[in-house]
């Protein structure tokens, strides 16, 4: 990509994300062609995550390059729901615990 695509402000996020993914793919392609691609491991995949999210706004709870623990985002939604008096919150808290 030459970076000349003009998009509306509402599409700017998607454009940036696509450019980031292409950059990571180009890095992988270069490593494959040079024979320097490391063994595929979860740790290697974690290193790509910050690159994919570069220059993008991320939520407070997003930690690029870190694996979420099981149900971590689910628990946050439950606690937000519980604080708002959601009728399903009691069921959800029991299911998570």
PDB file of N, CA and C in Angstrom:
ATOM      1  N   UNK A   1       0.840  -1.188   0.000  1.00  0.00           N
ATOM      2  CA  UNK A   1       0.000   0.000   0.000  1.00  0.00           C
ATOM      3  C   UNK A   1       0.880   1.245   0.000  1.00  0.00           C
ATOM      4  N   UNK A   2       0.420   2.236  -0.674  1.00  0.00           N
ATOM      5  CA  UNK A   2       1.178   3.472  -0.768  1.00  0.00           C
ATOM      6  C   UNK A   2       0.685   4.537   0.200  1.00  0.00           C
ATOM      7  N   UNK A   3      -0.379   4.277   0.935  1.00  0.00           N
ATOM      8  CA  UNK A   3      -0.869   5.231   1.920  1.00  0.00           C
ATOM      9  C   UNK A   3      -1.618   6.407   1.330  1.00  0.00           C
ATOM     10  N   UNK A   4      -2.138   6.264   0.119  1.00  0.00           N
ATOM     11  CA  UNK A   4      -2.832   7.375  -0.521  1.00  0.00           C
ATOM     12  C   UNK A   4      -4.345   7.253  -0.464  1.00  0.00           C
ATOM     13  N   UNK A   5      -4.856   6.257   0.185  1.00  0.00           N
ATOM     14  CA  UNK A   5      -6.302   6.064   0.262  1.00  0.00           C
ATOM     15  C   UNK A   5      -6.926   7.137   1.142  1.00  0.00           C
ATOM     16  N   UNK A   6      -7.924   7.808   0.608  1.00  0.00           N
ATOM     17  CA  UNK A   6      -8.621   8.845   1.362  1.00  0.00           C
ATOM     18  C   UNK A   6      -9.939   8.256   1.859  1.00  0.00           C
ATOM     19  N   UNK A   7     -10.137   8.310   3.161  1.00  0.00           N
ATOM     20  CA  UNK A   7     -11.360   7.758   3.735  1.00  0.00           C
ATOM     21  C   UNK A   7     -12.018   8.788   4.637  1.00  0.00           C
ATOM     22  N   UNK A   8     -13.278   8.550   4.918  1.00  0.00           N
ATOM     23  CA  UNK A   8     -14.003   9.438   5.821  1.00  0.00           C
ATOM     24  C   UNK A   8     -13.479   9.235   7.247  1.00  0.00           C
ATOM     25  N   UNK A   9     -13.652  10.225   8.101  1.00  0.00           N
ATOM     26  CA  UNK A   9     -13.185  10.089   9.491  1.00  0.00           C
ATOM     27  C   UNK A   9     -13.743   8.843  10.189  1.00  0.00           C
ATOM     28  N   UNK A  10     -14.964   8.449   9.847  1.00  0.00           N
ATOM     29  CA  UNK A  10     -15.550   7.273  10.491  1.00  0.00           C
ATOM     30  C   UNK A  10     -14.866   5.976  10.068  1.00  0.00           C
ATOM     31  N   UNK A  11     -14.174   5.998   8.938  1.00  0.00           N
ATOM     32  CA  UNK A  11     -13.471   4.804   8.441  1.00  0.00           C
ATOM     33  C   UNK A  11     -11.975   4.839   8.734  1.00  0.00           C
ATOM     34  N   UNK A  12     -11.495   5.907   9.319  1.00  0.00           N
ATOM     35  CA  UNK A  12     -10.059   6.061   9.575  1.00  0.00           C
ATOM     36  C   UNK A  12      -9.511   4.939  10.457  1.00  0.00           C
ATOM     37  N   UNK A  13     -10.280   4.533  11.475  1.00  0.00           N
ATOM     38  CA  UNK A  13      -9.869   3.448  12.369  1.00  0.00           C
ATOM     39  C   UNK A  13      -9.629   2.171  11.568  1.00  0.00           C
ATOM     40  N   UNK A  14     -10.579   1.825  10.700  1.00  0.00           N
ATOM     41  CA  UNK A  14     -10.448   0.601   9.911  1.00  0.00           C
ATOM     42  C   UNK A  14      -9.259   0.683   8.960  1.00  0.00           C
ATOM     43  N   UNK A  15      -9.062   1.841   8.355  1.00  0.00           N
ATOM     44  CA  UNK A  15      -7.922   2.031   7.456  1.00  0.00           C
ATOM     45  C   UNK A  15      -6.617   1.793   8.205  1.00  0.00           C
ATOM     46  N   UNK A  16      -6.499   2.380   9.399  1.00  0.00           N
ATOM     47  CA  UNK A  16      -5.275   2.222  10.183  1.00  0.00           C
ATOM     48  C   UNK A  16      -5.058   0.761  10.571  1.00  0.00           C
ATOM     49  N   UNK A  17      -6.134   0.091  10.965  1.00  0.00           N
ATOM     50  CA  UNK A  17      -6.007  -1.311  11.367  1.00  0.00           C
ATOM     51  C   UNK A  17      -5.563  -2.174  10.182  1.00  0.00           C
ATOM     52  N   UNK A  18      -6.128  -1.935   9.010  1.00  0.00           N
ATOM     53  CA  UNK A  18      -5.728  -2.692   7.817  1.00  0.00           C
ATOM     54  C   UNK A  18      -4.255  -2.426   7.501  1.00  0.00           C
ATOM     55  N   UNK A  19      -3.831  -1.161   7.584  1.00  0.00           N
ATOM     56  CA  UNK A  19      -2.428  -0.837   7.334  1.00  0.00           C
ATOM     57  C   UNK A  19      -1.517  -1.548   8.337  1.00  0.00           C
ATOM     58  N   UNK A  20      -1.947  -1.615   9.591  1.00  0.00           N
ATOM     59  CA  UNK A  20      -1.153  -2.299  10.621  1.00  0.00           C
ATOM     60  C   UNK A  20      -1.045  -3.796  10.338  1.00  0.00           C
ATOM     61  N   UNK A  21      -2.154  -4.406   9.953  1.00  0.00           N
ATOM     62  CA  UNK A  21      -2.144  -5.850   9.655  1.00  0.00           C
ATOM     63  C   UNK A  21      -1.249  -6.122   8.443  1.00  0.00           C
ATOM     64  N   UNK A  22      -1.331  -5.269   7.438  1.00  0.00           N
ATOM     65  CA  UNK A  22      -0.473  -5.434   6.257  1.00  0.00           C
ATOM     66  C   UNK A  22       0.997  -5.315   6.655  1.00  0.00           C
ATOM     67  N   UNK A  23       1.322  -4.381   7.540  1.00  0.00           N
ATOM     68  CA  UNK A  23       2.710  -4.223   7.988  1.00  0.00           C
ATOM     69  C   UNK A  23       3.205  -5.482   8.696  1.00  0.00           C
ATOM     70  N   UNK A  24       2.363  -6.074   9.546  1.00  0.00           N
ATOM     71  CA  UNK A  24       2.751  -7.307  10.236  1.00  0.00           C
ATOM     72  C   UNK A  24       2.926  -8.441   9.218  1.00  0.00           C
ATOM     73  N   UNK A  25       2.012  -8.533   8.265  1.00  0.00           N
ATOM     74  CA  UNK A  25       2.132  -9.572   7.232  1.00  0.00           C
ATOM     75  C   UNK A  25       3.409  -9.394   6.418  1.00  0.00           C
ATOM     76  N   UNK A  26       3.756  -8.148   6.112  1.00  0.00           N
ATOM     77  CA  UNK A  26       5.000  -7.887   5.375  1.00  0.00           C
ATOM     78  C   UNK A  26       6.216  -8.294   6.192  1.00  0.00           C
ATOM     79  N   UNK A  27       6.171  -8.049   7.502  1.00  0.00           N
ATOM     80  CA  UNK A  27       7.272  -8.470   8.377  1.00  0.00           C
ATOM     81  C   UNK A  27       7.419  -9.984   8.348  1.00  0.00           C
ATOM     82  N   UNK A  28       6.309 -10.682   8.457  1.00  0.00           N
ATOM     83  CA  UNK A  28       6.326 -12.154   8.437  1.00  0.00           C
ATOM     84  C   UNK A  28       6.845 -12.652   7.089  1.00  0.00           C
ATOM     85  N   UNK A  29       6.383 -12.043   6.000  1.00  0.00           N
ATOM     86  CA  UNK A  29       6.826 -12.437   4.660  1.00  0.00           C
ATOM     87  C   UNK A  29       8.335 -12.266   4.514  1.00  0.00           C
ATOM     88  N   UNK A  30       8.861 -11.150   4.997  1.00  0.00           N
ATOM     89  CA  UNK A  30      10.305 -10.907   4.939  1.00  0.00           C
ATOM     90  C   UNK A  30      11.053 -11.961   5.747  1.00  0.00           C
ATOM     91  N   UNK A  31      10.562 -12.253   6.944  1.00  0.00           N
ATOM     92  CA  UNK A  31      11.226 -13.256   7.780  1.00  0.00           C
ATOM     93  C   UNK A  31      11.188 -14.637   7.133  1.00  0.00           C
ATOM     94  N   UNK A  32      10.079 -14.973   6.493  1.00  0.00           N
ATOM     95  CA  UNK A  32       9.986 -16.273   5.814  1.00  0.00           C
ATOM     96  C   UNK A  32      10.981 -16.330   4.661  1.00  0.00           C
ATOM     97  N   UNK A  33      11.017 -15.266   3.851  1.00  0.00           N
ATOM     98  CA  UNK A  33      11.917 -15.279   2.689  1.00  0.00           C
ATOM     99  C   UNK A  33      13.391 -15.292   3.096  1.00  0.00           C
ATOM    100  N   UNK A  34      13.706 -14.696   4.245  1.00  0.00           N
ATOM    101  CA  UNK A  34      15.085 -14.688   4.733  1.00  0.00           C
ATOM    102  C   UNK A  34      15.414 -15.902   5.597  1.00  0.00           C
ATOM    103  N   UNK A  35      14.398 -16.717   5.895  1.00  0.00           N
ATOM    104  CA  UNK A  35      14.608 -17.881   6.738  1.00  0.00           C
ATOM    105  C   UNK A  35      14.833 -17.539   8.198  1.00  0.00           C
ATOM    106  N   UNK A  36      14.330 -16.392   8.627  1.00  0.00           N
ATOM    107  CA  UNK A  36      14.543 -15.946  10.004  1.00  0.00           C
ATOM    108  C   UNK A  36      13.267 -15.940  10.848  1.00  0.00           C
ATOM    109  N   UNK A  37      12.190 -16.476  10.317  1.00  0.00           N
ATOM    110  CA  UNK A  37      10.942 -16.497  11.083  1.00  0.00           C
ATOM    111  C   UNK A  37      11.108 -17.416  12.280  1.00  0.00           C
ATOM    112  N   UNK A  38      10.899 -16.893  13.491  1.00  0.00           N
ATOM    113  CA  UNK A  38      11.018 -17.747  14.678  1.00  0.00           C
ATOM    114  C   UNK A  38       9.924 -18.811  14.689  1.00  0.00           C
ATOM    115  N   UNK A  39      10.107 -19.800  15.555  1.00  0.00           N
ATOM    116  CA  UNK A  39       9.102 -20.836  15.720  1.00  0.00           C
ATOM    117  C   UNK A  39       7.787 -20.179  16.146  1.00  0.00           C
ATOM    118  N   UNK A  40       6.706 -20.670  15.597  1.00  0.00           N
ATOM    119  CA  UNK A  40       5.390 -20.127  15.938  1.00  0.00           C
ATOM    120  C   UNK A  40       5.017 -20.539  17.360  1.00  0.00           C
ATOM    121  N   UNK A  41       4.934 -19.555  18.225  1.00  0.00           N
ATOM    122  CA  UNK A  41       4.575 -19.786  19.623  1.00  0.00           C
ATOM    123  C   UNK A  41       3.565 -18.718  20.036  1.00  0.00           C
ATOM    124  N   UNK A  42       2.857 -18.950  21.134  1.00  0.00           N
ATOM    125  CA  UNK A  42       1.965 -17.894  21.619  1.00  0.00           C
ATOM    126  C   UNK A  42       2.713 -16.592  21.883  1.00  0.00           C
ATOM    127  N   UNK A  43       3.931 -16.692  22.389  1.00  0.00           N
ATOM    128  CA  UNK A  43       4.720 -15.491  22.678  1.00  0.00           C
ATOM    129  C   UNK A  43       4.993 -14.686  21.408  1.00  0.00           C
ATOM    130  N   UNK A  44       5.283 -15.390  20.301  1.00  0.00           N
ATOM    131  CA  UNK A  44       5.506 -14.696  19.037  1.00  0.00           C
ATOM    132  C   UNK A  44       4.237 -13.974  18.597  1.00  0.00           C
ATOM    133  N   UNK A  45       3.114 -14.640  18.724  1.00  0.00           N
ATOM    134  CA  UNK A  45       1.845 -14.011  18.348  1.00  0.00           C
ATOM    135  C   UNK A  45       1.554 -12.792  19.219  1.00  0.00           C
ATOM    136  N   UNK A  46       1.917 -12.862  20.492  1.00  0.00           N
ATOM    137  CA  UNK A  46       1.712 -11.719  21.387  1.00  0.00           C
ATOM    138  C   UNK A  46       2.513 -10.508  20.914  1.00  0.00           C
ATOM    139  N   UNK A  47       3.672 -10.743  20.280  1.00  0.00           N
ATOM    140  CA  UNK A  47       4.474  -9.609  19.814  1.00  0.00           C
ATOM    141  C   UNK A  47       3.822  -8.896  18.634  1.00  0.00           C
ATOM    142  N   UNK A  48       2.972  -9.595  17.908  1.00  0.00           N
ATOM    143  CA  UNK A  48       2.294  -8.964  16.771  1.00  0.00           C
ATOM    144  C   UNK A  48       1.144  -8.070  17.224  1.00  0.00           C
ATOM    145  N   UNK A  49       0.546  -8.374  18.346  1.00  0.00           N
ATOM    146  CA  UNK A  49      -0.629  -7.641  18.814  1.00  0.00           C
ATOM    147  C   UNK A  49      -0.375  -6.138  18.972  1.00  0.00           C
ATOM    148  N   UNK A  50       0.693  -5.712  19.656  1.00  0.00           N
ATOM    149  CA  UNK A  50       0.927  -4.262  19.761  1.00  0.00           C
ATOM    150  C   UNK A  50       1.139  -3.604  18.393  1.00  0.00           C
ATOM    151  N   UNK A  51       1.706  -4.359  17.459  1.00  0.00           N
ATOM    152  CA  UNK A  51       1.923  -3.810  16.122  1.00  0.00           C
ATOM    153  C   UNK A  51       0.596  -3.609  15.392  1.00  0.00           C
ATOM    154  N   UNK A  52      -0.331  -4.543  15.589  1.00  0.00           N
ATOM    155  CA  UNK A  52      -1.649  -4.427  14.957  1.00  0.00           C
ATOM    156  C   UNK A  52      -2.432  -3.262  15.569  1.00  0.00           C
ATOM    157  N   UNK A  53      -2.216  -2.994  16.844  1.00  0.00           N
ATOM    158  CA  UNK A  53      -2.950  -1.927  17.530  1.00  0.00           C
ATOM    159  C   UNK A  53      -2.245  -0.572  17.482  1.00  0.00           C
ATOM    160  N   UNK A  54      -1.072  -0.513  16.856  1.00  0.00           N
ATOM    161  CA  UNK A  54      -0.303   0.744  16.801  1.00  0.00           C
ATOM    162  C   UNK A  54      -1.129   1.866  16.182  1.00  0.00           C
ATOM    163  N   UNK A  55      -1.060   3.037  16.802  1.00  0.00           N
ATOM    164  CA  UNK A  55      -1.758   4.248  16.357  1.00  0.00           C
ATOM    165  C   UNK A  55      -3.284   4.129  16.426  1.00  0.00           C
ATOM    166  N   UNK A  56      -3.781   3.147  17.161  1.00  0.00           N
ATOM    167  CA  UNK A  56      -5.228   2.984  17.309  1.00  0.00           C
ATOM    168  C   UNK A  56      -5.634   3.285  18.744  1.00  0.00           C
ATOM    169  N   UNK A  57      -6.788   3.899  18.922  1.00  0.00           N
ATOM    170  CA  UNK A  57      -7.271   4.102  20.291  1.00  0.00           C
ATOM    171  C   UNK A  57      -7.714   2.762  20.865  1.00  0.00           C
ATOM    172  N   UNK A  58      -7.283   2.461  22.061  1.00  0.00           N
ATOM    173  CA  UNK A  58      -7.688   1.211  22.710  1.00  0.00           C
ATOM    174  C   UNK A  58      -8.328   1.525  24.057  1.00  0.00           C
ATOM    175  N   UNK A  59      -9.220   0.655  24.465  1.00  0.00           N
ATOM    176  CA  UNK A  59      -9.867   0.824  25.771  1.00  0.00           C
ATOM    177  C   UNK A  59      -8.847   0.697  26.891  1.00  0.00           C
ATOM    178  N   UNK A  60      -9.216   1.219  28.039  1.00  0.00           N
ATOM    179  CA  UNK A  60      -8.356   1.180  29.220  1.00  0.00           C
ATOM    180  C   UNK A  60      -7.950  -0.236  29.613  1.00  0.00           C
ATOM    181  N   UNK A  61      -8.872  -1.179  29.443  1.00  0.00           N
ATOM    182  CA  UNK A  61      -8.621  -2.546  29.889  1.00  0.00           C
ATOM    183  C   UNK A  61      -7.853  -3.387  28.865  1.00  0.00           C
ATOM    184  N   UNK A  62      -7.512  -2.819  27.721  1.00  0.00           N
ATOM    185  CA  UNK A  62      -6.778  -3.552  26.691  1.00  0.00           C
ATOM    186  C   UNK A  62      -5.279  -3.393  26.947  1.00  0.00           C
ATOM    187  N   UNK A  63      -4.604  -4.523  27.050  1.00  0.00           N
ATOM    188  CA  UNK A  63      -3.161  -4.543  27.275  1.00  0.00           C
ATOM    189  C   UNK A  63      -2.519  -5.240  26.072  1.00  0.00           C
ATOM    190  N   UNK A  64      -2.078  -4.466  25.061  1.00  0.00           N
ATOM    191  CA  UNK A  64      -1.501  -5.092  23.866  1.00  0.00           C
ATOM    192  C   UNK A  64      -0.377  -6.064  24.201  1.00  0.00           C
ATOM    193  N   UNK A  65      -0.471  -7.237  23.598  1.00  0.00           N
ATOM    194  CA  UNK A  65       0.559  -8.242  23.785  1.00  0.00           C
ATOM    195  C   UNK A  65       0.367  -9.124  24.998  1.00  0.00           C
ATOM    196  N   UNK A  66      -0.715  -8.919  25.735  1.00  0.00           N
ATOM    197  CA  UNK A  66      -0.984  -9.760  26.905  1.00  0.00           C
ATOM    198  C   UNK A  66      -2.238 -10.590  26.666  1.00  0.00           C
ATOM    199  N   UNK A  67      -2.154 -11.835  27.071  1.00  0.00           N
ATOM    200  CA  UNK A  67      -3.284 -12.744  26.936  1.00  0.00           C
ATOM    201  C   UNK A  67      -4.283 -12.472  28.042  1.00  0.00           C
ATOM    202  N   UNK A  68      -5.548 -12.387  27.664  1.00  0.00           N
ATOM    203  CA  UNK A  68      -6.582 -12.227  28.681  1.00  0.00           C
ATOM    204  C   UNK A  68      -6.765 -13.536  29.432  1.00  0.00           C
ATOM    205  N   UNK A  69      -7.030 -13.417  30.707  1.00  0.00           N
ATOM    206  CA  UNK A  69      -7.338 -14.621  31.467  1.00  0.00           C
ATOM    207  C   UNK A  69      -8.768 -15.027  31.142  1.00  0.00           C
ATOM    208  N   UNK A  70      -9.102 -16.293  31.310  1.00  0.00           N
ATOM    209  CA  UNK A  70     -10.468 -16.721  31.009  1.00  0.00           C
ATOM    210  C   UNK A  70     -11.482 -15.874  31.763  1.00  0.00           C
ATOM    211  N   UNK A  71     -12.455 -15.414  31.043  1.00  0.00           N
ATOM    212  CA  UNK A  71     -13.581 -14.656  31.587  1.00  0.00           C
ATOM    213  C   UNK A  71     -13.195 -13.273  32.112  1.00  0.00           C
ATOM    214  N   UNK A  72     -11.975 -12.783  31.860  1.00  0.00           N
ATOM    215  CA  UNK A  72     -11.587 -11.480  32.400  1.00  0.00           C
ATOM    216  C   UNK A  72     -12.494 -10.371  31.887  1.00  0.00           C
ATOM    217  N   UNK A  73     -12.760 -10.355  30.588  1.00  0.00           N
ATOM    218  CA  UNK A  73     -13.632  -9.302  30.072  1.00  0.00           C
ATOM    219  C   UNK A  73     -15.079  -9.568  30.486  1.00  0.00           C
ATOM    220  N   UNK A  74     -15.437 -10.847  30.639  1.00  0.00           N
ATOM    221  CA  UNK A  74     -16.786 -11.196  31.072  1.00  0.00           C
ATOM    222  C   UNK A  74     -17.028 -10.678  32.485  1.00  0.00           C
ATOM    223  N   UNK A  75     -16.052 -10.819  33.353  1.00  0.00           N
ATOM    224  CA  UNK A  75     -16.194 -10.336  34.731  1.00  0.00           C
ATOM    225  C   UNK A  75     -16.371  -8.827  34.772  1.00  0.00           C
ATOM    226  N   UNK A  76     -15.659  -8.112  33.921  1.00  0.00           N
ATOM    227  CA  UNK A  76     -15.797  -6.659  33.906  1.00  0.00           C
ATOM    228  C   UNK A  76     -17.195  -6.266  33.474  1.00  0.00           C
ATOM    229  N   UNK A  77     -17.741  -6.952  32.478  1.00  0.00           N
ATOM    230  CA  UNK A  77     -19.103  -6.644  32.043  1.00  0.00           C
ATOM    231  C   UNK A  77     -20.096  -6.951  33.144  1.00  0.00           C
ATOM    232  N   UNK A  78     -19.852  -8.032  33.873  1.00  0.00           N
ATOM    233  CA  UNK A  78     -20.744  -8.395  34.968  1.00  0.00           C
ATOM    234  C   UNK A  78     -20.719  -7.321  36.040  1.00  0.00           C
ATOM    235  N   UNK A  79     -19.526  -6.859  36.405  1.00  0.00           N
ATOM    236  CA  UNK A  79     -19.451  -5.854  37.462  1.00  0.00           C
ATOM    237  C   UNK A  79     -20.082  -4.547  37.005  1.00  0.00           C
ATOM    238  N   UNK A  80     -19.933  -4.192  35.740  1.00  0.00           N
ATOM    239  CA  UNK A  80     -20.590  -2.980  35.237  1.00  0.00           C
ATOM    240  C   UNK A  80     -22.094  -3.153  35.261  1.00  0.00           C
ATOM    241  N   UNK A  81     -22.543  -4.335  34.851  1.00  0.00           N
ATOM    242  CA  UNK A  81     -23.972  -4.613  34.838  1.00  0.00           C
ATOM    243  C   UNK A  81     -24.517  -4.589  36.265  1.00  0.00           C
ATOM    244  N   UNK A  82     -23.791  -5.192  37.188  1.00  0.00           N
ATOM    245  CA  UNK A  82     -24.235  -5.238  38.582  1.00  0.00           C
ATOM    246  C   UNK A  82     -24.339  -3.832  39.159  1.00  0.00           C
ATOM    247  N   UNK A  83     -23.414  -2.971  38.809  1.00  0.00           N
ATOM    248  CA  UNK A  83     -23.455  -1.620  39.352  1.00  0.00           C
ATOM    249  C   UNK A  83     -24.625  -0.825  38.790  1.00  0.00           C
ATOM    250  N   UNK A  84     -25.170  -1.272  37.678  1.00  0.00           N
ATOM    251  CA  UNK A  84     -26.323  -0.590  37.083  1.00  0.00           C
ATOM    252  C   UNK A  84     -27.639  -1.259  37.474  1.00  0.00           C
ATOM    253  N   UNK A  85     -27.573  -2.295  38.277  1.00  0.00           N
ATOM    254  CA  UNK A  85     -28.792  -2.966  38.729  1.00  0.00           C
ATOM    255  C   UNK A  85     -29.397  -3.908  37.715  1.00  0.00           C
ATOM    256  N   UNK A  86     -28.593  -4.489  36.873  1.00  0.00           N
ATOM    257  CA  UNK A  86     -29.082  -5.412  35.853  1.00  0.00           C
ATOM    258  C   UNK A  86     -29.651  -6.663  36.521  1.00  0.00           C
ATOM    259  N   UNK A  87     -30.824  -7.107  36.090  1.00  0.00           N
ATOM    260  CA  UNK A  87     -31.448  -8.258  36.738  1.00  0.00           C
ATOM    261  C   UNK A  87     -30.703  -9.557  36.486  1.00  0.00           C
ATOM    262  N   UNK A  88     -29.873  -9.625  35.443  1.00  0.00           N
ATOM    263  CA  UNK A  88     -29.118 -10.845  35.165  1.00  0.00           C
ATOM    264  C   UNK A  88     -27.797 -10.889  35.925  1.00  0.00           C
ATOM    265  N   UNK A  89     -27.441  -9.808  36.608  1.00  0.00           N
ATOM    266  CA  UNK A  89     -26.121  -9.749  37.225  1.00  0.00           C
ATOM    267  C   UNK A  89     -25.912 -10.833  38.274  1.00  0.00           C
ATOM    268  N   UNK A  90     -26.918 -11.146  39.058  1.00  0.00           N
ATOM    269  CA  UNK A  90     -26.755 -12.182  40.089  1.00  0.00           C
ATOM    270  C   UNK A  90     -26.461 -13.530  39.439  1.00  0.00           C
ATOM    271  N   UNK A  91     -27.174 -13.859  38.376  1.00  0.00           N
ATOM    272  CA  UNK A  91     -26.927 -15.121  37.683  1.00  0.00           C
ATOM    273  C   UNK A  91     -25.518 -15.122  37.100  1.00  0.00           C
ATOM    274  N   UNK A  92     -25.107 -14.030  36.460  1.00  0.00           N
ATOM    275  CA  UNK A  92     -23.812 -13.965  35.809  1.00  0.00           C
ATOM    276  C   UNK A  92     -22.677 -14.080  36.835  1.00  0.00           C
ATOM    277  N   UNK A  93     -22.829 -13.454  37.984  1.00  0.00           N
ATOM    278  CA  UNK A  93     -21.780 -13.513  39.003  1.00  0.00           C
ATOM    279  C   UNK A  93     -21.637 -14.941  39.518  1.00  0.00           C
ATOM    280  N   UNK A  94     -22.736 -15.641  39.688  1.00  0.00           N
ATOM    281  CA  UNK A  94     -22.676 -17.029  40.135  1.00  0.00           C
ATOM    282  C   UNK A  94     -22.001 -17.884  39.079  1.00  0.00           C
ATOM    283  N   UNK A  95     -22.322 -17.643  37.794  1.00  0.00           N
ATOM    284  CA  UNK A  95     -21.723 -18.424  36.726  1.00  0.00           C
ATOM    285  C   UNK A  95     -20.212 -18.196  36.616  1.00  0.00           C
ATOM    286  N   UNK A  96     -19.745 -16.995  36.871  1.00  0.00           N
ATOM    287  CA  UNK A  96     -18.327 -16.674  36.771  1.00  0.00           C
ATOM    288  C   UNK A  96     -17.562 -17.260  37.951  1.00  0.00           C
ATOM    289  N   UNK A  97     -18.139 -17.197  39.124  1.00  0.00           N
ATOM    290  CA  UNK A  97     -17.450 -17.649  40.330  1.00  0.00           C
ATOM    291  C   UNK A  97     -17.264 -19.117  40.364  1.00  0.00           C
TER     292      UNK A  97
END
